[in-house]
């Protein structure tokens, strides 16, 4: 390691990502992806918002069944 580093040309926050806003790749079967793309187009929304809604409902269902609220 160097004794000193020059950060004079650094950009503050260049690699900062707000918590909860990190995107991760999710690989879906073609039929599943196509279904939700069509649903998003019909509802004039994004596939992300539809999938998030479905997963949140699934989380609530699992919590209610397992008693972990």
PDB file of N, CA and C in Angstrom:
ATOM      1  N   UNK A   1       0.833  -1.181   0.000  1.00  0.00           N
ATOM      2  CA  UNK A   1       0.000   0.000   0.000  1.00  0.00           C
ATOM      3  C   UNK A   1       0.875   1.241   0.000  1.00  0.00           C
ATOM      4  N   UNK A   2       0.373   2.263  -0.651  1.00  0.00           N
ATOM      5  CA  UNK A   2       1.070   3.540  -0.629  1.00  0.00           C
ATOM      6  C   UNK A   2       0.871   4.195   0.732  1.00  0.00           C
ATOM      7  N   UNK A   3       1.809   5.072   1.089  1.00  0.00           N
ATOM      8  CA  UNK A   3       1.658   5.811   2.340  1.00  0.00           C
ATOM      9  C   UNK A   3       0.544   6.839   2.223  1.00  0.00           C
ATOM     10  N   UNK A   4       0.361   7.406   1.028  1.00  0.00           N
ATOM     11  CA  UNK A   4      -0.682   8.403   0.801  1.00  0.00           C
ATOM     12  C   UNK A   4      -1.339   8.160  -0.550  1.00  0.00           C
ATOM     13  N   UNK A   5      -2.589   8.535  -0.652  1.00  0.00           N
ATOM     14  CA  UNK A   5      -3.330   8.447  -1.905  1.00  0.00           C
ATOM     15  C   UNK A   5      -3.861   9.827  -2.251  1.00  0.00           C
ATOM     16  N   UNK A   6      -3.858  10.150  -3.536  1.00  0.00           N
ATOM     17  CA  UNK A   6      -4.331  11.455  -4.000  1.00  0.00           C
ATOM     18  C   UNK A   6      -5.793  11.335  -4.425  1.00  0.00           C
ATOM     19  N   UNK A   7      -6.684  11.911  -3.651  1.00  0.00           N
ATOM     20  CA  UNK A   7      -8.110  11.898  -3.958  1.00  0.00           C
ATOM     21  C   UNK A   7      -8.591  13.234  -4.505  1.00  0.00           C
ATOM     22  N   UNK A   8      -7.664  14.078  -4.926  1.00  0.00           N
ATOM     23  CA  UNK A   8      -8.045  15.420  -5.380  1.00  0.00           C
ATOM     24  C   UNK A   8      -8.945  15.386  -6.618  1.00  0.00           C
ATOM     25  N   UNK A   9      -8.846  14.339  -7.409  1.00  0.00           N
ATOM     26  CA  UNK A   9      -9.687  14.227  -8.609  1.00  0.00           C
ATOM     27  C   UNK A   9     -10.856  13.264  -8.394  1.00  0.00           C
ATOM     28  N   UNK A  10     -11.043  12.861  -7.160  1.00  0.00           N
ATOM     29  CA  UNK A  10     -12.134  11.943  -6.838  1.00  0.00           C
ATOM     30  C   UNK A  10     -13.489  12.627  -6.923  1.00  0.00           C
ATOM     31  N   UNK A  11     -14.512  11.827  -7.152  1.00  0.00           N
ATOM     32  CA  UNK A  11     -15.884  12.331  -7.232  1.00  0.00           C
ATOM     33  C   UNK A  11     -16.655  11.771  -6.044  1.00  0.00           C
ATOM     34  N   UNK A  12     -17.128  12.672  -5.182  1.00  0.00           N
ATOM     35  CA  UNK A  12     -17.847  12.259  -3.985  1.00  0.00           C
ATOM     36  C   UNK A  12     -19.153  11.549  -4.360  1.00  0.00           C
ATOM     37  N   UNK A  13     -19.363  10.364  -3.784  1.00  0.00           N
ATOM     38  CA  UNK A  13     -20.603   9.625  -3.996  1.00  0.00           C
ATOM     39  C   UNK A  13     -20.691   8.874  -5.310  1.00  0.00           C
ATOM     40  N   UNK A  14     -19.599   8.777  -6.041  1.00  0.00           N
ATOM     41  CA  UNK A  14     -19.634   8.134  -7.361  1.00  0.00           C
ATOM     42  C   UNK A  14     -20.152   6.696  -7.288  1.00  0.00           C
ATOM     43  N   UNK A  15     -19.784   5.971  -6.264  1.00  0.00           N
ATOM     44  CA  UNK A  15     -20.174   4.571  -6.153  1.00  0.00           C
ATOM     45  C   UNK A  15     -21.223   4.333  -5.069  1.00  0.00           C
ATOM     46  N   UNK A  16     -21.786   5.407  -4.535  1.00  0.00           N
ATOM     47  CA  UNK A  16     -22.799   5.292  -3.487  1.00  0.00           C
ATOM     48  C   UNK A  16     -24.117   4.809  -4.083  1.00  0.00           C
ATOM     49  N   UNK A  17     -24.734   3.843  -3.419  1.00  0.00           N
ATOM     50  CA  UNK A  17     -26.059   3.361  -3.800  1.00  0.00           C
ATOM     51  C   UNK A  17     -26.947   3.414  -2.571  1.00  0.00           C
ATOM     52  N   UNK A  18     -28.078   4.078  -2.691  1.00  0.00           N
ATOM     53  CA  UNK A  18     -29.005   4.194  -1.573  1.00  0.00           C
ATOM     54  C   UNK A  18     -29.473   2.803  -1.154  1.00  0.00           C
ATOM     55  N   UNK A  19     -29.517   2.582   0.144  1.00  0.00           N
ATOM     56  CA  UNK A  19     -29.966   1.286   0.664  1.00  0.00           C
ATOM     57  C   UNK A  19     -31.358   0.973   0.130  1.00  0.00           C
ATOM     58  N   UNK A  20     -31.546  -0.242  -0.306  1.00  0.00           N
ATOM     59  CA  UNK A  20     -32.850  -0.648  -0.826  1.00  0.00           C
ATOM     60  C   UNK A  20     -33.022  -0.389  -2.306  1.00  0.00           C
ATOM     61  N   UNK A  21     -32.030   0.213  -2.937  1.00  0.00           N
ATOM     62  CA  UNK A  21     -32.143   0.543  -4.353  1.00  0.00           C
ATOM     63  C   UNK A  21     -31.146  -0.242  -5.205  1.00  0.00           C
ATOM     64  N   UNK A  22     -30.567  -1.277  -4.643  1.00  0.00           N
ATOM     65  CA  UNK A  22     -29.594  -2.071  -5.382  1.00  0.00           C
ATOM     66  C   UNK A  22     -30.342  -3.011  -6.316  1.00  0.00           C
ATOM     67  N   UNK A  23     -29.925  -3.039  -7.559  1.00  0.00           N
ATOM     68  CA  UNK A  23     -30.563  -3.924  -8.530  1.00  0.00           C
ATOM     69  C   UNK A  23     -29.763  -5.212  -8.644  1.00  0.00           C
ATOM     70  N   UNK A  24     -30.468  -6.318  -8.594  1.00  0.00           N
ATOM     71  CA  UNK A  24     -29.829  -7.611  -8.772  1.00  0.00           C
ATOM     72  C   UNK A  24     -30.493  -8.303  -9.957  1.00  0.00           C
ATOM     73  N   UNK A  25     -29.723  -9.077 -10.701  1.00  0.00           N
ATOM     74  CA  UNK A  25     -30.339  -9.770 -11.833  1.00  0.00           C
ATOM     75  C   UNK A  25     -31.227 -10.916 -11.347  1.00  0.00           C
ATOM     76  N   UNK A  26     -32.369 -11.042 -11.978  1.00  0.00           N
ATOM     77  CA  UNK A  26     -33.282 -12.146 -11.692  1.00  0.00           C
ATOM     78  C   UNK A  26     -33.573 -12.816 -13.026  1.00  0.00           C
ATOM     79  N   UNK A  27     -33.326 -14.095 -13.092  1.00  0.00           N
ATOM     80  CA  UNK A  27     -33.498 -14.827 -14.341  1.00  0.00           C
ATOM     81  C   UNK A  27     -34.789 -15.634 -14.290  1.00  0.00           C
ATOM     82  N   UNK A  28     -35.709 -15.295 -15.179  1.00  0.00           N
ATOM     83  CA  UNK A  28     -37.014 -15.944 -15.224  1.00  0.00           C
ATOM     84  C   UNK A  28     -37.110 -16.845 -16.446  1.00  0.00           C
ATOM     85  N   UNK A  29     -37.940 -17.877 -16.328  1.00  0.00           N
ATOM     86  CA  UNK A  29     -38.245 -18.687 -17.507  1.00  0.00           C
ATOM     87  C   UNK A  29     -38.901 -17.782 -18.545  1.00  0.00           C
ATOM     88  N   UNK A  30     -38.715 -18.111 -19.808  1.00  0.00           N
ATOM     89  CA  UNK A  30     -39.250 -17.275 -20.883  1.00  0.00           C
ATOM     90  C   UNK A  30     -40.757 -17.099 -20.769  1.00  0.00           C
ATOM     91  N   UNK A  31     -41.468 -18.174 -20.460  1.00  0.00           N
ATOM     92  CA  UNK A  31     -42.931 -18.074 -20.373  1.00  0.00           C
ATOM     93  C   UNK A  31     -43.363 -17.152 -19.230  1.00  0.00           C
ATOM     94  N   UNK A  32     -42.653 -17.208 -18.108  1.00  0.00           N
ATOM     95  CA  UNK A  32     -42.965 -16.338 -16.968  1.00  0.00           C
ATOM     96  C   UNK A  32     -42.669 -14.887 -17.332  1.00  0.00           C
ATOM     97  N   UNK A  33     -41.506 -14.661 -17.917  1.00  0.00           N
ATOM     98  CA  UNK A  33     -41.114 -13.306 -18.309  1.00  0.00           C
ATOM     99  C   UNK A  33     -42.104 -12.722 -19.304  1.00  0.00           C
ATOM    100  N   UNK A  34     -42.458 -13.488 -20.316  1.00  0.00           N
ATOM    101  CA  UNK A  34     -43.402 -13.008 -21.335  1.00  0.00           C
ATOM    102  C   UNK A  34     -44.759 -12.672 -20.727  1.00  0.00           C
ATOM    103  N   UNK A  35     -45.221 -13.518 -19.812  1.00  0.00           N
ATOM    104  CA  UNK A  35     -46.510 -13.283 -19.163  1.00  0.00           C
ATOM    105  C   UNK A  35     -46.517 -11.941 -18.434  1.00  0.00           C
ATOM    106  N   UNK A  36     -45.473 -11.681 -17.652  1.00  0.00           N
ATOM    107  CA  UNK A  36     -45.439 -10.447 -16.861  1.00  0.00           C
ATOM    108  C   UNK A  36     -45.105  -9.219 -17.696  1.00  0.00           C
ATOM    109  N   UNK A  37     -44.391  -9.389 -18.777  1.00  0.00           N
ATOM    110  CA  UNK A  37     -44.183  -8.263 -19.698  1.00  0.00           C
ATOM    111  C   UNK A  37     -45.521  -7.850 -20.293  1.00  0.00           C
ATOM    112  N   UNK A  38     -46.306  -8.823 -20.747  1.00  0.00           N
ATOM    113  CA  UNK A  38     -47.635  -8.526 -21.305  1.00  0.00           C
ATOM    114  C   UNK A  38     -48.547  -7.896 -20.255  1.00  0.00           C
ATOM    115  N   UNK A  39     -48.499  -8.404 -19.024  1.00  0.00           N
ATOM    116  CA  UNK A  39     -49.322  -7.834 -17.952  1.00  0.00           C
ATOM    117  C   UNK A  39     -48.916  -6.392 -17.671  1.00  0.00           C
ATOM    118  N   UNK A  40     -47.621  -6.117 -17.687  1.00  0.00           N
ATOM    119  CA  UNK A  40     -47.134  -4.757 -17.433  1.00  0.00           C
ATOM    120  C   UNK A  40     -47.577  -3.802 -18.533  1.00  0.00           C
ATOM    121  N   UNK A  41     -47.521  -4.259 -19.775  1.00  0.00           N
ATOM    122  CA  UNK A  41     -47.956  -3.421 -20.894  1.00  0.00           C
ATOM    123  C   UNK A  41     -49.444  -3.107 -20.758  1.00  0.00           C
ATOM    124  N   UNK A  42     -50.252  -4.119 -20.450  1.00  0.00           N
ATOM    125  CA  UNK A  42     -51.701  -3.917 -20.306  1.00  0.00           C
ATOM    126  C   UNK A  42     -52.035  -2.955 -19.169  1.00  0.00           C
ATOM    127  N   UNK A  43     -51.249  -3.008 -18.082  1.00  0.00           N
ATOM    128  CA  UNK A  43     -51.512  -2.144 -16.926  1.00  0.00           C
ATOM    129  C   UNK A  43     -50.735  -0.828 -16.995  1.00  0.00           C
ATOM    130  N   UNK A  44     -49.989  -0.646 -18.066  1.00  0.00           N
ATOM    131  CA  UNK A  44     -49.188   0.568 -18.251  1.00  0.00           C
ATOM    132  C   UNK A  44     -48.266   0.815 -17.050  1.00  0.00           C
ATOM    133  N   UNK A  45     -47.554  -0.227 -16.668  1.00  0.00           N
ATOM    134  CA  UNK A  45     -46.621  -0.148 -15.546  1.00  0.00           C
ATOM    135  C   UNK A  45     -45.377  -0.950 -15.887  1.00  0.00           C
ATOM    136  N   UNK A  46     -44.456  -1.057 -14.950  1.00  0.00           N
ATOM    137  CA  UNK A  46     -43.222  -1.800 -15.211  1.00  0.00           C
ATOM    138  C   UNK A  46     -43.333  -3.233 -14.699  1.00  0.00           C
ATOM    139  N   UNK A  47     -42.535  -4.090 -15.292  1.00  0.00           N
ATOM    140  CA  UNK A  47     -42.472  -5.479 -14.836  1.00  0.00           C
ATOM    141  C   UNK A  47     -41.972  -5.500 -13.391  1.00  0.00           C
ATOM    142  N   UNK A  48     -41.012  -4.632 -13.074  1.00  0.00           N
ATOM    143  CA  UNK A  48     -40.477  -4.562 -11.712  1.00  0.00           C
ATOM    144  C   UNK A  48     -41.579  -4.331 -10.688  1.00  0.00           C
ATOM    145  N   UNK A  49     -42.470  -3.389 -10.972  1.00  0.00           N
ATOM    146  CA  UNK A  49     -43.519  -3.073  -9.994  1.00  0.00           C
ATOM    147  C   UNK A  49     -44.491  -4.239  -9.831  1.00  0.00           C
ATOM    148  N   UNK A  50     -44.795  -4.934 -10.911  1.00  0.00           N
ATOM    149  CA  UNK A  50     -45.691  -6.094 -10.819  1.00  0.00           C
ATOM    150  C   UNK A  50     -45.034  -7.212 -10.016  1.00  0.00           C
ATOM    151  N   UNK A  51     -43.790  -7.527 -10.337  1.00  0.00           N
ATOM    152  CA  UNK A  51     -43.074  -8.594  -9.628  1.00  0.00           C
ATOM    153  C   UNK A  51     -42.912  -8.231  -8.153  1.00  0.00           C
ATOM    154  N   UNK A  52     -42.580  -6.969  -7.853  1.00  0.00           N
ATOM    155  CA  UNK A  52     -42.464  -6.539  -6.456  1.00  0.00           C
ATOM    156  C   UNK A  52     -43.778  -6.719  -5.712  1.00  0.00           C
ATOM    157  N   UNK A  53     -44.890  -6.356  -6.334  1.00  0.00           N
ATOM    158  CA  UNK A  53     -46.203  -6.525  -5.697  1.00  0.00           C
ATOM    159  C   UNK A  53     -46.488  -7.991  -5.396  1.00  0.00           C
ATOM    160  N   UNK A  54     -46.211  -8.830  -6.358  1.00  0.00           N
ATOM    161  CA  UNK A  54     -46.451 -10.268  -6.185  1.00  0.00           C
ATOM    162  C   UNK A  54     -45.582 -10.826  -5.064  1.00  0.00           C
ATOM    163  N   UNK A  55     -44.312 -10.467  -5.058  1.00  0.00           N
ATOM    164  CA  UNK A  55     -43.403 -10.987  -4.035  1.00  0.00           C
ATOM    165  C   UNK A  55     -43.756 -10.462  -2.643  1.00  0.00           C
ATOM    166  N   UNK A  56     -44.186  -9.214  -2.554  1.00  0.00           N
ATOM    167  CA  UNK A  56     -44.599  -8.672  -1.254  1.00  0.00           C
ATOM    168  C   UNK A  56     -45.834  -9.396  -0.728  1.00  0.00           C
ATOM    169  N   UNK A  57     -46.792  -9.689  -1.605  1.00  0.00           N
ATOM    170  CA  UNK A  57     -47.982 -10.445  -1.193  1.00  0.00           C
ATOM    171  C   UNK A  57     -47.598 -11.852  -0.748  1.00  0.00           C
ATOM    172  N   UNK A  58     -46.667 -12.454  -1.461  1.00  0.00           N
ATOM    173  CA  UNK A  58     -46.185 -13.788  -1.103  1.00  0.00           C
ATOM    174  C   UNK A  58     -45.487 -13.758   0.257  1.00  0.00           C
ATOM    175  N   UNK A  59     -44.704 -12.714   0.507  1.00  0.00           N
ATOM    176  CA  UNK A  59     -44.043 -12.567   1.806  1.00  0.00           C
ATOM    177  C   UNK A  59     -45.062 -12.478   2.935  1.00  0.00           C
ATOM    178  N   UNK A  60     -46.109 -11.677   2.728  1.00  0.00           N
ATOM    179  CA  UNK A  60     -47.152 -11.539   3.746  1.00  0.00           C
ATOM    180  C   UNK A  60     -47.869 -12.863   3.983  1.00  0.00           C
ATOM    181  N   UNK A  61     -48.123 -13.605   2.920  1.00  0.00           N
ATOM    182  CA  UNK A  61     -48.767 -14.911   3.053  1.00  0.00           C
ATOM    183  C   UNK A  61     -47.890 -15.859   3.867  1.00  0.00           C
ATOM    184  N   UNK A  62     -46.615 -15.911   3.546  1.00  0.00           N
ATOM    185  CA  UNK A  62     -45.686 -16.784   4.275  1.00  0.00           C
ATOM    186  C   UNK A  62     -45.608 -16.375   5.741  1.00  0.00           C
ATOM    187  N   UNK A  63     -45.549 -15.065   5.994  1.00  0.00           N
ATOM    188  CA  UNK A  63     -45.499 -14.581   7.382  1.00  0.00           C
ATOM    189  C   UNK A  63     -46.756 -14.970   8.146  1.00  0.00           C
ATOM    190  N   UNK A  64     -47.916 -14.835   7.511  1.00  0.00           N
ATOM    191  CA  UNK A  64     -49.168 -15.150   8.205  1.00  0.00           C
ATOM    192  C   UNK A  64     -49.297 -16.647   8.473  1.00  0.00           C
ATOM    193  N   UNK A  65     -48.814 -17.457   7.561  1.00  0.00           N
ATOM    194  CA  UNK A  65     -48.877 -18.913   7.746  1.00  0.00           C
ATOM    195  C   UNK A  65     -47.905 -19.367   8.826  1.00  0.00           C
ATOM    196  N   UNK A  66     -46.702 -18.798   8.807  1.00  0.00           N
ATOM    197  CA  UNK A  66     -45.675 -19.236   9.756  1.00  0.00           C
ATOM    198  C   UNK A  66     -45.769 -18.529  11.103  1.00  0.00           C
ATOM    199  N   UNK A  67     -46.575 -17.474  11.182  1.00  0.00           N
ATOM    200  CA  UNK A  67     -46.725 -16.745  12.435  1.00  0.00           C
ATOM    201  C   UNK A  67     -45.617 -15.748  12.690  1.00  0.00           C
ATOM    202  N   UNK A  68     -44.779 -15.490  11.693  1.00  0.00           N
ATOM    203  CA  UNK A  68     -43.689 -14.511  11.826  1.00  0.00           C
ATOM    204  C   UNK A  68     -44.138 -13.165  11.296  1.00  0.00           C
ATOM    205  N   UNK A  69     -44.703 -12.363  12.139  1.00  0.00           N
ATOM    206  CA  UNK A  69     -45.192 -11.054  11.678  1.00  0.00           C
ATOM    207  C   UNK A  69     -44.309  -9.991  12.117  1.00  0.00           C
TER     208      UNK A  69
END
